[in-house]
Amino acid sequence: MAPKKRPETRKTSEVALHPRSKRSRSPGELEHEAKKLCVKGPGSSRRSDSGCPREGLASLQVPPHCRSIIRALHHHKLGRTTWPSLQQIGAGGSITGLKFNPLNTDQFFISSMEGTTRLQDFKGNILQVYTSYGTCNFWFCSLDVSAERRVVVTGDNVGHVVLLNMDGKELWNLRMHKKKVTHVALNPCSDWCLVTASVDQTVKIWDLRQVKGKSGFLYSLPHRHPVNSAHFSPDGVRLLTTDQKSEIRVYSASQWDRPPNLIPHPHRHFQHLTPIKAAWHPRYNLIVVGRYPDPNFKSGTRHELRTIDVFDGSSGKLMHQLYDPESSGISSLNEFNPMGDTLASVMGYRILIWSQPERM
């Protein structure tokens, strides 16, 4: 039987901050409050709550004629120009990593399951292929780019990490992990410092200036489960890791070997779910991550909502939860814009935009 194609949705929704109260509430109360506070239909004039010291996130309404919220943003930012078309990879060729070219924002680097890491533009033109396996048995899972060092780093599904300069010259290709490299990231303040995460249950920190082999890491941070991601904080002094079970960790620079700050959180791995990855706020010490309720989680409750959770990066305290009843899927990826006043949440085939209202 041929698989059924899920119909496109044309719903227009507004999303806002869902503050967490001090007292515990029943699932019924949570659901009622979420419906009351988190979503208002078109034409709503509800003002956002400001229970957060960073101000409340309020609504961004999508024009009804726009089928994609990304297209709506494009029109808002650039005027009503023709929406650029991108060449499709095809079935089984999902994109595993994407970074804008810091030297030309009309271009972007992507890694994909078709076995390449490449640079292309918004017209679909492939400008340069940096790595290519030419087989469906091996592919690239992650990438990062440094403008100052002018390098591209990418990791594959069998533990290799490849470093290239932006001209495409391979500097080294080493097997740094026993299994798939799920994430690579360069420190934003010290771009000689590289972190890699893997399903081999380790996160490793490397000095690009003296990498000689798989045992040449500066630190190896063992985890109890496979690891989805490892992100340096914007100031480069902390490291945020997300495993495939129920643990978020925050490590401190120069003290990597000390026990990290542990944040229990349900985000278990599922084969057909995009791996959930916690991320930093670009200006404040806040962590954002999607919740996948788990009946076996210690503090889990029945009918728990699939919220987007905001934690204090120092104490690990849950500060706020975002929830949209009209889009109640699991938010696997969450990314703030550079100013930190707009959050994009990837939820299956939907992208939700959470933003502050314009000041009067």
Protein backbone atom coordinates (compact mmCIF):
# COMPACT_ATOMS: atom_id res chain seq x y z
CA MET A 1 0.00 0.00 0.00
CA ALA A 2 1.34 3.39 -0.95
CA PRO A 3 1.93 5.71 2.00
CA LYS A 4 -0.65 8.41 2.51
CA LYS A 5 0.50 11.97 2.15
CA ARG A 6 -0.43 14.16 5.07
CA PRO A 7 -2.45 17.16 3.85
CA GLU A 8 -0.97 20.60 4.21
CA THR A 9 -2.41 22.79 6.91
CA ARG A 10 -3.39 26.39 6.39
CA LYS A 11 -4.12 27.23 9.99
CA THR A 12 -3.06 30.61 11.24
CA SER A 13 -2.05 30.75 14.88
CA GLU A 14 -0.51 33.16 17.31
CA VAL A 15 1.81 31.98 20.04
CA ALA A 16 2.82 33.54 23.33
CA LEU A 17 4.63 32.95 26.59
CA HIS A 18 3.11 30.42 28.96
CA PRO A 19 4.48 31.33 32.42
CA ARG A 20 4.84 28.67 35.06
CA SER A 21 3.13 29.47 38.35
CA LYS A 22 4.60 28.75 41.75
CA ARG A 23 1.95 26.23 42.79
CA SER A 24 1.48 22.86 41.13
CA ARG A 25 -1.56 22.49 38.89
CA SER A 26 -3.61 19.59 37.66
CA PRO A 27 -3.44 18.51 34.00
CA GLY A 28 -6.93 19.93 33.49
CA GLU A 29 -5.85 23.32 34.81
CA LEU A 30 -2.74 23.22 32.65
CA GLU A 31 -4.74 22.48 29.54
CA HIS A 32 -7.25 25.23 30.33
CA GLU A 33 -4.55 27.79 31.06
CA ALA A 34 -2.60 26.83 27.95
CA LYS A 35 -5.66 27.35 25.77
CA LYS A 36 -6.41 30.66 27.46
CA LEU A 37 -2.89 32.12 27.50
CA CYS A 38 -0.97 30.55 24.66
CA VAL A 39 -3.12 30.88 21.58
CA LYS A 40 -5.45 33.48 20.23
CA GLY A 41 -7.00 33.36 16.80
CA PRO A 42 -6.68 36.06 14.15
CA GLY A 43 -7.76 39.46 15.32
CA SER A 44 -6.93 38.90 18.97
CA SER A 45 -5.79 41.90 20.94
CA ARG A 46 -4.61 40.05 24.02
CA ARG A 47 -1.45 41.51 25.51
CA SER A 48 1.30 39.18 26.67
CA ASP A 49 2.16 38.55 30.28
CA SER A 50 5.49 39.89 31.49
CA GLY A 51 6.33 37.44 34.21
CA CYS A 52 9.80 36.90 32.78
CA PRO A 53 12.62 39.40 33.42
CA ARG A 54 13.30 39.16 29.69
CA GLU A 55 9.70 40.25 28.90
CA GLY A 56 7.00 38.01 27.51
CA LEU A 57 7.16 36.45 24.07
CA ALA A 58 4.03 37.43 22.22
CA SER A 59 2.37 36.86 18.90
CA LEU A 60 3.43 36.95 15.30
CA GLN A 61 0.42 36.53 13.04
CA VAL A 62 0.88 34.75 9.73
CA PRO A 63 -0.88 36.34 6.73
CA PRO A 64 -3.62 33.93 5.60
CA HIS A 65 -2.40 33.94 1.99
CA CYS A 66 1.02 32.60 3.01
CA ARG A 67 1.31 28.83 3.02
CA SER A 68 4.61 28.91 4.86
CA ILE A 69 5.55 30.92 7.91
CA ILE A 70 9.06 31.13 6.49
CA ARG A 71 7.63 32.72 3.36
CA ALA A 72 5.77 35.17 5.60
CA LEU A 73 9.04 36.15 7.26
CA HIS A 74 10.72 36.48 3.87
CA HIS A 75 7.99 38.85 2.70
CA HIS A 76 8.19 40.79 5.97
CA LYS A 77 11.97 41.18 5.81
CA LEU A 78 12.59 41.59 2.09
CA GLY A 79 9.32 42.79 0.60
CA ARG A 80 6.97 40.81 -1.60
CA THR A 81 9.57 39.37 -3.92
CA THR A 82 9.52 36.04 -5.67
CA TRP A 83 10.14 33.25 -3.16
CA PRO A 84 13.43 31.52 -4.06
CA SER A 85 13.13 27.85 -4.95
CA LEU A 86 15.60 25.29 -3.66
CA GLN A 87 16.58 22.13 -5.45
CA GLN A 88 15.06 19.10 -3.73
CA ILE A 89 17.30 16.28 -2.55
CA GLY A 90 14.62 13.61 -2.84
CA ALA A 91 13.44 10.70 -0.73
CA GLY A 92 15.95 9.54 1.86
CA GLY A 93 18.16 12.57 1.29
CA SER A 94 17.39 14.62 4.37
CA ILE A 95 19.55 17.59 5.32
CA THR A 96 21.40 16.94 8.58
CA GLY A 97 23.11 20.29 9.08
CA LEU A 98 22.83 23.84 7.73
CA LYS A 99 24.97 26.93 8.30
CA PHE A 100 24.88 30.25 6.49
CA ASN A 101 28.13 31.22 4.81
CA PRO A 102 29.50 33.91 7.17
CA LEU A 103 31.27 35.52 4.21
CA ASN A 104 28.17 35.65 2.01
CA THR A 105 24.71 35.25 3.54
CA ASP A 106 23.17 34.49 0.13
CA GLN A 107 24.90 31.12 0.41
CA PHE A 108 24.79 28.28 2.89
CA PHE A 109 26.63 25.08 3.75
CA ILE A 110 24.67 21.85 4.16
CA SER A 111 25.50 18.29 5.15
CA SER A 112 23.11 15.57 4.09
CA MET A 113 22.29 11.88 3.98
CA GLU A 114 23.13 11.78 0.29
CA GLY A 115 26.76 11.68 1.43
CA THR A 116 27.94 15.22 0.78
CA THR A 117 28.87 18.45 2.50
CA ARG A 118 28.50 21.32 0.08
CA LEU A 119 28.01 25.05 -0.44
CA GLN A 120 25.02 26.29 -2.44
CA ASP A 121 22.91 29.38 -3.01
CA PHE A 122 19.18 30.04 -2.76
CA LYS A 123 18.70 29.40 -6.48
CA GLY A 124 19.73 25.80 -5.96
CA ASN A 125 23.15 26.20 -7.55
CA ILE A 126 25.80 23.94 -6.01
CA LEU A 127 28.84 26.19 -5.72
CA GLN A 128 31.27 23.70 -4.23
CA VAL A 129 31.28 20.14 -2.93
CA TYR A 130 33.57 19.80 0.09
CA THR A 131 33.08 16.12 0.89
CA SER A 132 31.40 13.32 -1.04
CA TYR A 133 31.15 9.59 -0.39
CA GLY A 134 29.28 8.68 -3.54
CA THR A 135 27.41 5.90 -1.73
CA CYS A 136 24.28 5.60 0.37
CA ASN A 137 26.13 3.62 3.06
CA PHE A 138 27.98 6.64 4.46
CA TRP A 139 26.72 10.17 5.03
CA PHE A 140 27.44 13.37 6.93
CA CYS A 141 25.47 14.19 10.08
CA SER A 142 26.66 17.61 11.22
CA LEU A 143 28.76 20.64 10.29
CA ASP A 144 30.05 23.99 11.49
CA VAL A 145 31.89 26.93 9.91
CA SER A 146 34.39 29.51 11.18
CA ALA A 147 34.75 32.82 9.34
CA GLU A 148 37.85 33.93 11.23
CA ARG A 149 39.71 30.63 10.79
CA ARG A 150 38.06 30.09 7.39
CA VAL A 151 37.41 26.41 7.93
CA VAL A 152 34.55 23.96 7.54
CA VAL A 153 34.23 20.96 9.86
CA THR A 154 31.85 18.05 9.30
CA GLY A 155 31.20 14.67 10.95
CA ASP A 156 29.88 11.42 9.45
CA ASN A 157 27.86 8.38 10.50
CA VAL A 158 30.84 6.14 11.29
CA GLY A 159 32.80 8.46 13.59
CA HIS A 160 34.98 10.44 11.18
CA VAL A 161 35.47 14.21 11.42
CA VAL A 162 36.81 16.12 8.42
CA LEU A 163 38.40 19.59 8.57
CA LEU A 164 38.69 21.63 5.38
CA ASN A 165 39.54 25.20 4.52
CA MET A 166 36.94 27.28 2.66
CA ASP A 167 38.78 26.67 -0.61
CA GLY A 168 37.88 22.99 -0.23
CA LYS A 169 41.33 21.68 0.69
CA GLU A 170 41.16 18.83 3.20
CA LEU A 171 43.33 19.56 6.24
CA TRP A 172 42.66 16.26 7.99
CA ASN A 173 40.21 13.37 8.11
CA LEU A 174 40.28 11.40 11.35
CA ARG A 175 38.10 8.86 13.10
CA MET A 176 37.44 10.65 16.39
CA HIS A 177 34.54 8.49 17.64
CA LYS A 178 33.59 4.83 17.53
CA LYS A 179 30.12 5.59 16.15
CA LYS A 180 28.09 8.33 14.44
CA VAL A 181 29.15 11.93 15.08
CA THR A 182 25.83 13.62 15.83
CA HIS A 183 27.17 17.14 16.37
CA VAL A 184 30.27 19.27 15.76
CA ALA A 185 30.68 22.85 16.97
CA LEU A 186 33.47 25.42 17.12
CA ASN A 187 33.81 27.67 20.15
CA PRO A 188 32.49 31.14 19.15
CA CYS A 189 35.23 32.92 21.14
CA SER A 190 38.12 30.48 20.65
CA ASP A 191 37.57 28.86 17.27
CA TRP A 192 40.58 26.59 17.68
CA CYS A 193 38.42 24.72 20.20
CA LEU A 194 36.16 22.05 18.70
CA VAL A 195 33.54 19.91 20.43
CA THR A 196 32.14 16.68 18.99
CA ALA A 197 29.22 14.57 20.24
CA SER A 198 28.44 10.99 19.35
CA VAL A 199 26.10 8.07 19.86
CA ASP A 200 29.11 6.30 21.43
CA GLN A 201 28.02 8.13 24.62
CA THR A 202 30.90 10.61 24.67
CA VAL A 203 31.46 14.30 24.07
CA LYS A 204 35.05 15.26 23.23
CA ILE A 205 36.85 18.60 23.23
CA TRP A 206 39.72 19.13 20.78
CA ASP A 207 42.38 21.71 19.96
CA LEU A 208 42.39 22.08 16.17
CA ARG A 209 46.00 23.27 16.29
CA GLN A 210 47.27 19.93 17.59
CA VAL A 211 44.86 17.19 16.52
CA LYS A 212 46.86 14.07 15.64
CA GLY A 213 44.43 11.19 16.09
CA LYS A 214 41.44 9.83 17.98
CA SER A 215 43.37 9.91 21.26
CA GLY A 216 44.44 13.54 20.83
CA PHE A 217 41.42 15.11 22.54
CA LEU A 218 41.78 17.55 25.41
CA TYR A 219 38.85 16.13 27.37
CA SER A 220 36.41 13.25 26.99
CA LEU A 221 33.09 13.69 28.78
CA PRO A 222 31.32 10.31 29.18
CA HIS A 223 27.51 10.18 29.22
CA ARG A 224 25.10 7.45 30.25
CA HIS A 225 23.29 7.51 26.92
CA PRO A 226 24.03 8.47 23.30
CA VAL A 227 24.36 12.23 22.84
CA ASN A 228 22.39 14.34 20.38
CA SER A 229 24.26 17.63 20.64
CA ALA A 230 26.91 19.75 22.34
CA HIS A 231 26.66 23.55 22.14
CA PHE A 232 29.10 26.14 23.46
CA SER A 233 27.43 29.11 25.12
CA PRO A 234 27.63 32.45 23.25
CA ASP A 235 30.45 33.60 25.53
CA GLY A 236 32.27 30.29 24.98
CA VAL A 237 32.71 29.46 28.67
CA ARG A 238 30.03 26.79 29.08
CA LEU A 239 29.00 23.67 27.22
CA LEU A 240 25.43 22.39 26.90
CA THR A 241 24.85 18.72 26.03
CA THR A 242 21.63 16.81 25.31
CA ASP A 243 21.48 13.03 25.52
CA GLN A 244 18.91 10.69 23.95
CA LYS A 245 17.10 9.93 27.18
CA SER A 246 16.36 12.41 29.95
CA GLU A 247 19.42 14.46 30.82
CA ILE A 248 20.73 17.89 29.92
CA ARG A 249 24.20 18.82 31.17
CA VAL A 250 25.99 22.15 31.58
CA TYR A 251 29.80 22.03 31.84
CA SER A 252 32.09 24.94 32.72
CA ALA A 253 35.25 25.84 30.78
CA SER A 254 38.64 25.21 32.43
CA GLN A 255 36.83 22.76 34.72
CA TRP A 256 35.63 20.23 32.17
CA ASP A 257 36.56 17.34 34.46
CA ARG A 258 34.33 18.58 37.28
CA PRO A 259 30.79 17.15 37.65
CA PRO A 260 28.41 19.13 35.44
CA ASN A 261 25.14 20.75 36.40
CA LEU A 262 22.51 18.13 35.58
CA ILE A 263 19.00 19.06 34.44
CA PRO A 264 16.54 16.12 34.36
CA HIS A 265 14.28 16.51 31.35
CA PRO A 266 12.19 14.08 29.23
CA HIS A 267 13.30 14.08 25.58
CA ARG A 268 13.83 10.39 24.79
CA HIS A 269 14.96 9.22 21.38
CA PHE A 270 12.51 7.82 18.85
CA GLN A 271 13.50 6.50 15.43
CA HIS A 272 11.09 8.65 13.43
CA LEU A 273 11.53 11.80 15.50
CA THR A 274 14.12 14.46 14.76
CA PRO A 275 16.59 14.25 17.68
CA ILE A 276 15.76 16.81 20.36
CA LYS A 277 18.56 19.30 21.01
CA ALA A 278 18.72 21.92 23.76
CA ALA A 279 20.01 25.37 22.76
CA TRP A 280 21.27 28.55 24.40
CA HIS A 281 19.64 31.95 24.37
CA PRO A 282 22.13 34.27 22.56
CA ARG A 283 22.09 37.03 25.22
CA TYR A 284 20.94 35.57 28.53
CA ASN A 285 21.86 32.51 30.55
CA LEU A 286 18.79 30.60 29.42
CA ILE A 287 18.34 27.15 27.87
CA VAL A 288 15.45 26.18 25.59
CA VAL A 289 14.46 22.59 24.76
CA GLY A 290 11.40 20.68 23.55
CA ARG A 291 9.66 18.27 25.93
CA TYR A 292 8.67 14.72 24.95
CA PRO A 293 6.61 13.52 27.94
CA ASP A 294 7.70 10.13 29.25
CA PRO A 295 5.46 8.05 31.55
CA ASN A 296 8.62 6.55 33.09
CA PHE A 297 10.19 9.93 33.85
CA LYS A 298 10.56 10.46 37.61
CA SER A 299 8.59 13.71 37.85
CA GLY A 300 6.31 13.00 34.89
CA THR A 301 2.53 13.38 35.17
CA ARG A 302 -0.42 12.02 33.23
CA HIS A 303 -1.59 14.12 30.29
CA GLU A 304 1.63 16.14 30.40
CA LEU A 305 1.83 18.73 27.63
CA ARG A 306 4.44 18.75 24.87
CA THR A 307 5.81 22.12 25.84
CA ILE A 308 8.92 24.07 24.93
CA ASP A 309 10.78 24.50 28.21
CA VAL A 310 12.99 27.42 29.24
CA PHE A 311 15.54 26.75 32.01
CA ASP A 312 17.90 28.96 33.98
CA GLY A 313 21.37 27.96 32.76
CA SER A 314 22.95 28.32 36.21
CA SER A 315 20.42 26.79 38.59
CA GLY A 316 18.67 24.44 36.16
CA LYS A 317 15.31 25.80 37.36
CA LEU A 318 12.39 25.63 34.95
CA MET A 319 11.48 29.26 34.29
CA HIS A 320 8.73 29.13 31.66
CA GLN A 321 6.93 26.84 29.24
CA LEU A 322 5.64 27.64 25.76
CA TYR A 323 2.67 25.77 24.36
CA ASP A 324 0.35 26.08 21.38
CA PRO A 325 -2.69 23.74 21.50
CA GLU A 326 -3.16 24.10 17.75
CA SER A 327 0.37 22.80 17.17
CA SER A 328 0.81 20.27 19.95
CA GLY A 329 3.58 18.20 18.37
CA ILE A 330 7.06 17.67 19.74
CA SER A 331 9.45 20.58 19.23
CA SER A 332 12.75 18.92 18.33
CA LEU A 333 14.79 21.98 17.40
CA ASN A 334 14.59 25.51 18.80
CA GLU A 335 16.72 28.40 17.64
CA PHE A 336 16.76 32.08 18.65
CA ASN A 337 17.62 34.90 16.28
CA PRO A 338 20.86 36.81 17.17
CA MET A 339 18.97 39.42 19.21
CA GLY A 340 17.17 36.73 21.22
CA ASP A 341 13.71 38.26 20.80
CA THR A 342 12.38 35.69 18.32
CA LEU A 343 12.37 31.92 18.66
CA ALA A 344 11.86 29.45 15.81
CA SER A 345 10.62 25.99 16.81
CA VAL A 346 10.73 23.04 14.41
CA MET A 347 7.81 20.70 15.04
CA GLY A 348 7.59 17.98 12.40
CA TYR A 349 6.53 19.68 9.17
CA ARG A 350 5.66 22.92 10.99
CA ILE A 351 7.81 25.84 12.05
CA LEU A 352 6.42 28.00 14.85
CA ILE A 353 7.67 31.54 15.39
CA TRP A 354 7.49 33.00 18.90
CA SER A 355 8.17 36.72 19.06
CA GLN A 356 7.72 39.82 21.18
CA PRO A 357 5.04 42.35 20.19
CA GLU A 358 6.15 45.58 18.59
CA ARG A 359 6.43 48.43 21.06
CA MET A 360 3.87 51.22 20.77
